[in-house]
């Protein structure tokens, strides 16, 4: 079973929270709030979206690019983990 199917409810809830953050940003623009407040809301939204992307990418790498049952200590598995670490550093 793919990780996105297995974690479907959790992932959808995260998307809904992100949507809520973006709705708050839209509302802030409509209410003409200070740009500092808007930037904080947008930064939080971006951070949440980047974190979600990192999680989905990690699952993809672990379940679709590297066979988790085939020698988890192999050089391929280590390279996959190195890539995941870089992605997490970049996106989160």
PDB file of N, CA and C in Angstrom:
ATOM      1  N   UNK A   1       0.846  -1.175   0.000  1.00  0.00           N
ATOM      2  CA  UNK A   1       0.000   0.000   0.000  1.00  0.00           C
ATOM      3  C   UNK A   1       0.892   1.239   0.000  1.00  0.00           C
ATOM      4  N   UNK A   2       0.569   2.171  -0.846  1.00  0.00           N
ATOM      5  CA  UNK A   2       1.350   3.401  -0.932  1.00  0.00           C
ATOM      6  C   UNK A   2       1.179   4.224   0.337  1.00  0.00           C
ATOM      7  N   UNK A   3       2.211   4.957   0.688  1.00  0.00           N
ATOM      8  CA  UNK A   3       2.194   5.752   1.913  1.00  0.00           C
ATOM      9  C   UNK A   3       1.116   6.831   1.873  1.00  0.00           C
ATOM     10  N   UNK A   4       0.816   7.377   0.694  1.00  0.00           N
ATOM     11  CA  UNK A   4      -0.215   8.415   0.624  1.00  0.00           C
ATOM     12  C   UNK A   4      -1.606   7.841   0.853  1.00  0.00           C
ATOM     13  N   UNK A   5      -1.785   6.588   0.529  1.00  0.00           N
ATOM     14  CA  UNK A   5      -3.071   5.936   0.804  1.00  0.00           C
ATOM     15  C   UNK A   5      -3.144   5.573   2.278  1.00  0.00           C
ATOM     16  N   UNK A   6      -2.063   5.018   2.793  1.00  0.00           N
ATOM     17  CA  UNK A   6      -2.016   4.618   4.198  1.00  0.00           C
ATOM     18  C   UNK A   6      -2.207   5.821   5.128  1.00  0.00           C
ATOM     19  N   UNK A   7      -1.606   6.955   4.775  1.00  0.00           N
ATOM     20  CA  UNK A   7      -1.651   8.158   5.615  1.00  0.00           C
ATOM     21  C   UNK A   7      -2.637   9.202   5.092  1.00  0.00           C
ATOM     22  N   UNK A   8      -3.584   8.765   4.292  1.00  0.00           N
ATOM     23  CA  UNK A   8      -4.496   9.675   3.604  1.00  0.00           C
ATOM     24  C   UNK A   8      -5.165  10.682   4.543  1.00  0.00           C
ATOM     25  N   UNK A   9      -5.750  10.218   5.622  1.00  0.00           N
ATOM     26  CA  UNK A   9      -6.483  11.110   6.524  1.00  0.00           C
ATOM     27  C   UNK A   9      -5.550  12.165   7.127  1.00  0.00           C
ATOM     28  N   UNK A  10      -4.381  11.729   7.575  1.00  0.00           N
ATOM     29  CA  UNK A  10      -3.416  12.651   8.169  1.00  0.00           C
ATOM     30  C   UNK A  10      -2.959  13.690   7.150  1.00  0.00           C
ATOM     31  N   UNK A  11      -2.686  13.265   5.926  1.00  0.00           N
ATOM     32  CA  UNK A  11      -2.217  14.182   4.890  1.00  0.00           C
ATOM     33  C   UNK A  11      -3.306  15.176   4.491  1.00  0.00           C
ATOM     34  N   UNK A  12      -4.533  14.693   4.373  1.00  0.00           N
ATOM     35  CA  UNK A  12      -5.648  15.580   4.029  1.00  0.00           C
ATOM     36  C   UNK A  12      -5.851  16.612   5.133  1.00  0.00           C
ATOM     37  N   UNK A  13      -5.736  16.203   6.386  1.00  0.00           N
ATOM     38  CA  UNK A  13      -5.873  17.159   7.493  1.00  0.00           C
ATOM     39  C   UNK A  13      -4.796  18.237   7.428  1.00  0.00           C
ATOM     40  N   UNK A  14      -3.592  17.855   7.056  1.00  0.00           N
ATOM     41  CA  UNK A  14      -2.520  18.845   6.924  1.00  0.00           C
ATOM     42  C   UNK A  14      -2.817  19.829   5.800  1.00  0.00           C
ATOM     43  N   UNK A  15      -3.329  19.316   4.679  1.00  0.00           N
ATOM     44  CA  UNK A  15      -3.701  20.191   3.571  1.00  0.00           C
ATOM     45  C   UNK A  15      -4.792  21.161   4.012  1.00  0.00           C
ATOM     46  N   UNK A  16      -5.743  20.685   4.782  1.00  0.00           N
ATOM     47  CA  UNK A  16      -6.820  21.555   5.261  1.00  0.00           C
ATOM     48  C   UNK A  16      -6.288  22.644   6.195  1.00  0.00           C
ATOM     49  N   UNK A  17      -5.307  22.301   7.029  1.00  0.00           N
ATOM     50  CA  UNK A  17      -4.713  23.323   7.898  1.00  0.00           C
ATOM     51  C   UNK A  17      -3.979  24.373   7.068  1.00  0.00           C
ATOM     52  N   UNK A  18      -3.276  23.920   6.034  1.00  0.00           N
ATOM     53  CA  UNK A  18      -2.577  24.848   5.149  1.00  0.00           C
ATOM     54  C   UNK A  18      -3.588  25.749   4.445  1.00  0.00           C
ATOM     55  N   UNK A  19      -4.678  25.151   3.980  1.00  0.00           N
ATOM     56  CA  UNK A  19      -5.724  25.950   3.342  1.00  0.00           C
ATOM     57  C   UNK A  19      -6.255  27.004   4.317  1.00  0.00           C
ATOM     58  N   UNK A  20      -6.408  26.628   5.571  1.00  0.00           N
ATOM     59  CA  UNK A  20      -6.853  27.581   6.591  1.00  0.00           C
ATOM     60  C   UNK A  20      -5.867  28.722   6.760  1.00  0.00           C
ATOM     61  N   UNK A  21      -4.579  28.402   6.726  1.00  0.00           N
ATOM     62  CA  UNK A  21      -3.564  29.445   6.834  1.00  0.00           C
ATOM     63  C   UNK A  21      -3.622  30.394   5.633  1.00  0.00           C
ATOM     64  N   UNK A  22      -3.826  29.838   4.450  1.00  0.00           N
ATOM     65  CA  UNK A  22      -3.924  30.683   3.262  1.00  0.00           C
ATOM     66  C   UNK A  22      -5.201  31.523   3.277  1.00  0.00           C
ATOM     67  N   UNK A  23      -6.271  30.960   3.799  1.00  0.00           N
ATOM     68  CA  UNK A  23      -7.508  31.744   3.963  1.00  0.00           C
ATOM     69  C   UNK A  23      -7.271  32.910   4.917  1.00  0.00           C
ATOM     70  N   UNK A  24      -6.482  32.665   5.954  1.00  0.00           N
ATOM     71  CA  UNK A  24      -6.159  33.742   6.898  1.00  0.00           C
ATOM     72  C   UNK A  24      -5.336  34.827   6.214  1.00  0.00           C
ATOM     73  N   UNK A  25      -4.435  34.433   5.320  1.00  0.00           N
ATOM     74  CA  UNK A  25      -3.643  35.413   4.580  1.00  0.00           C
ATOM     75  C   UNK A  25      -4.554  36.234   3.666  1.00  0.00           C
ATOM     76  N   UNK A  26      -5.474  35.562   2.993  1.00  0.00           N
ATOM     77  CA  UNK A  26      -6.419  36.278   2.131  1.00  0.00           C
ATOM     78  C   UNK A  26      -7.231  37.281   2.951  1.00  0.00           C
ATOM     79  N   UNK A  27      -7.690  36.838   4.086  1.00  0.00           N
ATOM     80  CA  UNK A  27      -8.470  37.708   4.959  1.00  0.00           C
ATOM     81  C   UNK A  27      -7.636  38.903   5.426  1.00  0.00           C
ATOM     82  N   UNK A  28      -6.379  38.654   5.709  1.00  0.00           N
ATOM     83  CA  UNK A  28      -5.500  39.743   6.155  1.00  0.00           C
ATOM     84  C   UNK A  28      -5.344  40.796   5.061  1.00  0.00           C
ATOM     85  N   UNK A  29      -5.228  40.342   3.815  1.00  0.00           N
ATOM     86  CA  UNK A  29      -5.161  41.296   2.703  1.00  0.00           C
ATOM     87  C   UNK A  29      -6.467  42.087   2.596  1.00  0.00           C
ATOM     88  N   UNK A  30      -7.577  41.362   2.688  1.00  0.00           N
ATOM     89  CA  UNK A  30      -8.881  42.021   2.567  1.00  0.00           C
ATOM     90  C   UNK A  30      -9.102  43.049   3.679  1.00  0.00           C
ATOM     91  N   UNK A  31      -8.626  42.745   4.874  1.00  0.00           N
ATOM     92  CA  UNK A  31      -8.799  43.672   6.004  1.00  0.00           C
ATOM     93  C   UNK A  31      -7.708  44.726   6.061  1.00  0.00           C
ATOM     94  N   UNK A  32      -6.803  44.662   5.072  1.00  0.00           N
ATOM     95  CA  UNK A  32      -5.695  45.612   4.954  1.00  0.00           C
ATOM     96  C   UNK A  32      -4.838  45.664   6.212  1.00  0.00           C
ATOM     97  N   UNK A  33      -4.499  44.468   6.722  1.00  0.00           N
ATOM     98  CA  UNK A  33      -3.623  44.394   7.885  1.00  0.00           C
ATOM     99  C   UNK A  33      -2.212  44.810   7.498  1.00  0.00           C
ATOM    100  N   UNK A  34      -1.419  45.051   8.509  1.00  0.00           N
ATOM    101  CA  UNK A  34      -0.025  45.428   8.327  1.00  0.00           C
ATOM    102  C   UNK A  34       0.717  44.335   7.552  1.00  0.00           C
ATOM    103  N   UNK A  35       1.615  44.750   6.668  1.00  0.00           N
ATOM    104  CA  UNK A  35       2.333  43.779   5.842  1.00  0.00           C
ATOM    105  C   UNK A  35       3.159  42.804   6.679  1.00  0.00           C
ATOM    106  N   UNK A  36       3.630  43.214   7.840  1.00  0.00           N
ATOM    107  CA  UNK A  36       4.392  42.317   8.713  1.00  0.00           C
ATOM    108  C   UNK A  36       3.526  41.139   9.145  1.00  0.00           C
ATOM    109  N   UNK A  37       2.294  41.398   9.520  1.00  0.00           N
ATOM    110  CA  UNK A  37       1.379  40.323   9.919  1.00  0.00           C
ATOM    111  C   UNK A  37       1.109  39.380   8.743  1.00  0.00           C
ATOM    112  N   UNK A  38       0.939  39.960   7.575  1.00  0.00           N
ATOM    113  CA  UNK A  38       0.684  39.142   6.379  1.00  0.00           C
ATOM    114  C   UNK A  38       1.889  38.264   6.068  1.00  0.00           C
ATOM    115  N   UNK A  39       3.088  38.845   6.168  1.00  0.00           N
ATOM    116  CA  UNK A  39       4.294  38.055   5.878  1.00  0.00           C
ATOM    117  C   UNK A  39       4.460  36.903   6.859  1.00  0.00           C
ATOM    118  N   UNK A  40       4.121  37.115   8.124  1.00  0.00           N
ATOM    119  CA  UNK A  40       4.196  36.025   9.110  1.00  0.00           C
ATOM    120  C   UNK A  40       3.223  34.908   8.749  1.00  0.00           C
ATOM    121  N   UNK A  41       2.037  35.276   8.340  1.00  0.00           N
ATOM    122  CA  UNK A  41       1.034  34.279   7.949  1.00  0.00           C
ATOM    123  C   UNK A  41       1.492  33.516   6.709  1.00  0.00           C
ATOM    124  N   UNK A  42       2.033  34.225   5.729  1.00  0.00           N
ATOM    125  CA  UNK A  42       2.521  33.572   4.517  1.00  0.00           C
ATOM    126  C   UNK A  42       3.720  32.670   4.811  1.00  0.00           C
ATOM    127  N   UNK A  43       4.609  33.107   5.680  1.00  0.00           N
ATOM    128  CA  UNK A  43       5.774  32.291   6.029  1.00  0.00           C
ATOM    129  C   UNK A  43       5.342  31.002   6.720  1.00  0.00           C
ATOM    130  N   UNK A  44       4.357  31.107   7.602  1.00  0.00           N
ATOM    131  CA  UNK A  44       3.851  29.905   8.279  1.00  0.00           C
ATOM    132  C   UNK A  44       3.217  28.954   7.271  1.00  0.00           C
ATOM    133  N   UNK A  45       2.486  29.511   6.315  1.00  0.00           N
ATOM    134  CA  UNK A  45       1.851  28.686   5.281  1.00  0.00           C
ATOM    135  C   UNK A  45       2.901  27.977   4.437  1.00  0.00           C
ATOM    136  N   UNK A  46       3.920  28.720   4.065  1.00  0.00           N
ATOM    137  CA  UNK A  46       4.981  28.131   3.246  1.00  0.00           C
ATOM    138  C   UNK A  46       5.721  27.037   4.011  1.00  0.00           C
ATOM    139  N   UNK A  47       6.004  27.293   5.279  1.00  0.00           N
ATOM    140  CA  UNK A  47       6.676  26.286   6.089  1.00  0.00           C
ATOM    141  C   UNK A  47       5.848  25.010   6.198  1.00  0.00           C
ATOM    142  N   UNK A  48       4.554  25.159   6.381  1.00  0.00           N
ATOM    143  CA  UNK A  48       3.681  23.987   6.486  1.00  0.00           C
ATOM    144  C   UNK A  48       3.634  23.228   5.161  1.00  0.00           C
ATOM    145  N   UNK A  49       3.575  23.956   4.058  1.00  0.00           N
ATOM    146  CA  UNK A  49       3.537  23.308   2.749  1.00  0.00           C
ATOM    147  C   UNK A  49       4.861  22.617   2.438  1.00  0.00           C
ATOM    148  N   UNK A  50       5.967  23.270   2.751  1.00  0.00           N
ATOM    149  CA  UNK A  50       7.281  22.653   2.536  1.00  0.00           C
ATOM    150  C   UNK A  50       7.441  21.382   3.367  1.00  0.00           C
ATOM    151  N   UNK A  51       6.969  21.422   4.593  1.00  0.00           N
ATOM    152  CA  UNK A  51       7.056  20.253   5.464  1.00  0.00           C
ATOM    153  C   UNK A  51       6.226  19.097   4.923  1.00  0.00           C
ATOM    154  N   UNK A  52       5.046  19.404   4.428  1.00  0.00           N
ATOM    155  CA  UNK A  52       4.200  18.373   3.818  1.00  0.00           C
ATOM    156  C   UNK A  52       4.884  17.784   2.595  1.00  0.00           C
ATOM    157  N   UNK A  53       5.465  18.643   1.759  1.00  0.00           N
ATOM    158  CA  UNK A  53       6.168  18.169   0.575  1.00  0.00           C
ATOM    159  C   UNK A  53       7.332  17.263   0.960  1.00  0.00           C
ATOM    160  N   UNK A  54       8.083  17.628   1.988  1.00  0.00           N
ATOM    161  CA  UNK A  54       9.210  16.808   2.438  1.00  0.00           C
ATOM    162  C   UNK A  54       8.727  15.436   2.894  1.00  0.00           C
ATOM    163  N   UNK A  55       7.619  15.395   3.601  1.00  0.00           N
ATOM    164  CA  UNK A  55       7.089  14.109   4.080  1.00  0.00           C
ATOM    165  C   UNK A  55       6.669  13.213   2.920  1.00  0.00           C
ATOM    166  N   UNK A  56       5.984  13.784   1.944  1.00  0.00           N
ATOM    167  CA  UNK A  56       5.539  12.994   0.792  1.00  0.00           C
ATOM    168  C   UNK A  56       6.746  12.517  -0.018  1.00  0.00           C
ATOM    169  N   UNK A  57       7.744  13.386  -0.192  1.00  0.00           N
ATOM    170  CA  UNK A  57       8.947  12.994  -0.927  1.00  0.00           C
ATOM    171  C   UNK A  57       9.703  11.880  -0.207  1.00  0.00           C
ATOM    172  N   UNK A  58       9.782  11.979   1.120  1.00  0.00           N
ATOM    173  CA  UNK A  58      10.470  10.928   1.880  1.00  0.00           C
ATOM    174  C   UNK A  58       9.780   9.588   1.682  1.00  0.00           C
ATOM    175  N   UNK A  59       8.478   9.570   1.780  1.00  0.00           N
ATOM    176  CA  UNK A  59       7.740   8.326   1.563  1.00  0.00           C
ATOM    177  C   UNK A  59       7.938   7.785   0.163  1.00  0.00           C
ATOM    178  N   UNK A  60       7.947   8.666  -0.798  1.00  0.00           N
ATOM    179  CA  UNK A  60       8.153   8.248  -2.187  1.00  0.00           C
ATOM    180  C   UNK A  60       9.524   7.600  -2.367  1.00  0.00           C
ATOM    181  N   UNK A  61      10.537   8.239  -1.819  1.00  0.00           N
ATOM    182  CA  UNK A  61      11.895   7.702  -1.944  1.00  0.00           C
ATOM    183  C   UNK A  61      11.989   6.342  -1.259  1.00  0.00           C
ATOM    184  N   UNK A  62      11.482   6.262  -0.031  1.00  0.00           N
ATOM    185  CA  UNK A  62      11.616   5.025   0.741  1.00  0.00           C
ATOM    186  C   UNK A  62      10.789   3.874   0.173  1.00  0.00           C
ATOM    187  N   UNK A  63       9.639   4.164  -0.415  1.00  0.00           N
ATOM    188  CA  UNK A  63       8.755   3.080  -0.844  1.00  0.00           C
ATOM    189  C   UNK A  63       8.747   2.826  -2.343  1.00  0.00           C
ATOM    190  N   UNK A  64       9.185   3.800  -3.139  1.00  0.00           N
ATOM    191  CA  UNK A  64       9.118   3.614  -4.582  1.00  0.00           C
ATOM    192  C   UNK A  64      10.485   3.581  -5.265  1.00  0.00           C
ATOM    193  N   UNK A  65      11.481   4.216  -4.663  1.00  0.00           N
ATOM    194  CA  UNK A  65      12.804   4.243  -5.283  1.00  0.00           C
ATOM    195  C   UNK A  65      13.762   3.231  -4.676  1.00  0.00           C
ATOM    196  N   UNK A  66      13.605   2.966  -3.404  1.00  0.00           N
ATOM    197  CA  UNK A  66      14.462   2.011  -2.705  1.00  0.00           C
ATOM    198  C   UNK A  66      13.567   0.956  -2.091  1.00  0.00           C
ATOM    199  N   UNK A  67      13.860  -0.292  -2.359  1.00  0.00           N
ATOM    200  CA  UNK A  67      13.066  -1.374  -1.782  1.00  0.00           C
ATOM    201  C   UNK A  67      13.433  -1.515  -0.308  1.00  0.00           C
ATOM    202  N   UNK A  68      12.509  -1.185   0.617  1.00  0.00           N
ATOM    203  CA  UNK A  68      12.847  -1.223   2.035  1.00  0.00           C
ATOM    204  C   UNK A  68      13.144  -2.622   2.560  1.00  0.00           C
ATOM    205  N   UNK A  69      12.743  -3.647   1.815  1.00  0.00           N
ATOM    206  CA  UNK A  69      12.985  -5.021   2.246  1.00  0.00           C
ATOM    207  C   UNK A  69      14.280  -5.588   1.674  1.00  0.00           C
ATOM    208  N   UNK A  70      14.934  -4.845   0.799  1.00  0.00           N
ATOM    209  CA  UNK A  70      16.131  -5.336   0.122  1.00  0.00           C
ATOM    210  C   UNK A  70      17.374  -4.671   0.703  1.00  0.00           C
ATOM    211  N   UNK A  71      17.956  -5.299   1.707  1.00  0.00           N
ATOM    212  CA  UNK A  71      19.204  -4.838   2.317  1.00  0.00           C
ATOM    213  C   UNK A  71      19.134  -3.372   2.760  1.00  0.00           C
ATOM    214  N   UNK A  72      18.423  -3.096   3.839  1.00  0.00           N
ATOM    215  CA  UNK A  72      18.256  -1.712   4.283  1.00  0.00           C
ATOM    216  C   UNK A  72      19.566  -1.013   4.655  1.00  0.00           C
ATOM    217  N   UNK A  73      20.659  -1.751   4.773  1.00  0.00           N
ATOM    218  CA  UNK A  73      21.943  -1.122   5.088  1.00  0.00           C
ATOM    219  C   UNK A  73      22.814  -0.959   3.844  1.00  0.00           C
ATOM    220  N   UNK A  74      22.261  -1.210   2.679  1.00  0.00           N
ATOM    221  CA  UNK A  74      23.034  -1.122   1.446  1.00  0.00           C
ATOM    222  C   UNK A  74      23.436   0.320   1.147  1.00  0.00           C
ATOM    223  N   UNK A  75      24.367   0.477   0.217  1.00  0.00           N
ATOM    224  CA  UNK A  75      24.794   1.824  -0.170  1.00  0.00           C
ATOM    225  C   UNK A  75      23.647   2.590  -0.818  1.00  0.00           C
ATOM    226  N   UNK A  76      22.756   1.895  -1.508  1.00  0.00           N
ATOM    227  CA  UNK A  76      21.594   2.544  -2.110  1.00  0.00           C
ATOM    228  C   UNK A  76      20.672   3.105  -1.023  1.00  0.00           C
ATOM    229  N   UNK A  77      20.469   2.340   0.036  1.00  0.00           N
ATOM    230  CA  UNK A  77      19.629   2.805   1.142  1.00  0.00           C
ATOM    231  C   UNK A  77      20.277   3.994   1.836  1.00  0.00           C
ATOM    232  N   UNK A  78      21.591   3.964   1.986  1.00  0.00           N
ATOM    233  CA  UNK A  78      22.295   5.095   2.610  1.00  0.00           C
ATOM    234  C   UNK A  78      22.181   6.337   1.732  1.00  0.00           C
ATOM    235  N   UNK A  79      22.343   6.159   0.425  1.00  0.00           N
ATOM    236  CA  UNK A  79      22.222   7.293  -0.490  1.00  0.00           C
ATOM    237  C   UNK A  79      20.809   7.870  -0.448  1.00  0.00           C
ATOM    238  N   UNK A  80      19.814   7.005  -0.353  1.00  0.00           N
ATOM    239  CA  UNK A  80      18.430   7.457  -0.256  1.00  0.00           C
ATOM    240  C   UNK A  80      18.221   8.267   1.021  1.00  0.00           C
ATOM    241  N   UNK A  81      18.779   7.788   2.124  1.00  0.00           N
ATOM    242  CA  UNK A  81      18.644   8.512   3.384  1.00  0.00           C
ATOM    243  C   UNK A  81      19.375   9.856   3.324  1.00  0.00           C
ATOM    244  N   UNK A  82      20.525   9.881   2.681  1.00  0.00           N
ATOM    245  CA  UNK A  82      21.248  11.148   2.506  1.00  0.00           C
ATOM    246  C   UNK A  82      20.405  12.144   1.721  1.00  0.00           C
ATOM    247  N   UNK A  83      19.745  11.667   0.672  1.00  0.00           N
ATOM    248  CA  UNK A  83      18.876  12.529  -0.132  1.00  0.00           C
ATOM    249  C   UNK A  83      17.703  13.045   0.700  1.00  0.00           C
ATOM    250  N   UNK A  84      17.106  12.173   1.478  1.00  0.00           N
ATOM    251  CA  UNK A  84      15.994  12.575   2.352  1.00  0.00           C
ATOM    252  C   UNK A  84      16.450  13.643   3.336  1.00  0.00           C
ATOM    253  N   UNK A  85      17.625  13.468   3.913  1.00  0.00           N
ATOM    254  CA  UNK A  85      18.157  14.460   4.855  1.00  0.00           C
ATOM    255  C   UNK A  85      18.353  15.823   4.197  1.00  0.00           C
ATOM    256  N   UNK A  86      18.856  15.823   2.970  1.00  0.00           N
ATOM    257  CA  UNK A  86      19.050  17.075   2.243  1.00  0.00           C
ATOM    258  C   UNK A  86      17.709  17.722   1.945  1.00  0.00           C
ATOM    259  N   UNK A  87      16.758  16.939   1.511  1.00  0.00           N
ATOM    260  CA  UNK A  87      15.414  17.471   1.214  1.00  0.00           C
ATOM    261  C   UNK A  87      14.806  18.086   2.457  1.00  0.00           C
ATOM    262  N   UNK A  88      14.905  17.393   3.592  1.00  0.00           N
ATOM    263  CA  UNK A  88      14.339  17.917   4.831  1.00  0.00           C
ATOM    264  C   UNK A  88      15.030  19.208   5.254  1.00  0.00           C
ATOM    265  N   UNK A  89      16.342  19.261   5.076  1.00  0.00           N
ATOM    266  CA  UNK A  89      17.085  20.476   5.425  1.00  0.00           C
ATOM    267  C   UNK A  89      16.658  21.628   4.535  1.00  0.00           C
ATOM    268  N   UNK A  90      16.460  21.365   3.284  1.00  0.00           N
ATOM    269  CA  UNK A  90      16.108  22.407   2.342  1.00  0.00           C
ATOM    270  C   UNK A  90      14.663  22.879   2.529  1.00  0.00           C
ATOM    271  N   UNK A  91      13.763  21.947   2.768  1.00  0.00           N
ATOM    272  CA  UNK A  91      12.333  22.285   2.808  1.00  0.00           C
ATOM    273  C   UNK A  91      11.802  22.623   4.189  1.00  0.00           C
ATOM    274  N   UNK A  92      12.489  22.225   5.240  1.00  0.00           N
ATOM    275  CA  UNK A  92      11.912  22.488   6.563  1.00  0.00           C
ATOM    276  C   UNK A  92      12.814  23.379   7.401  1.00  0.00           C
TER     277      UNK A  92
END
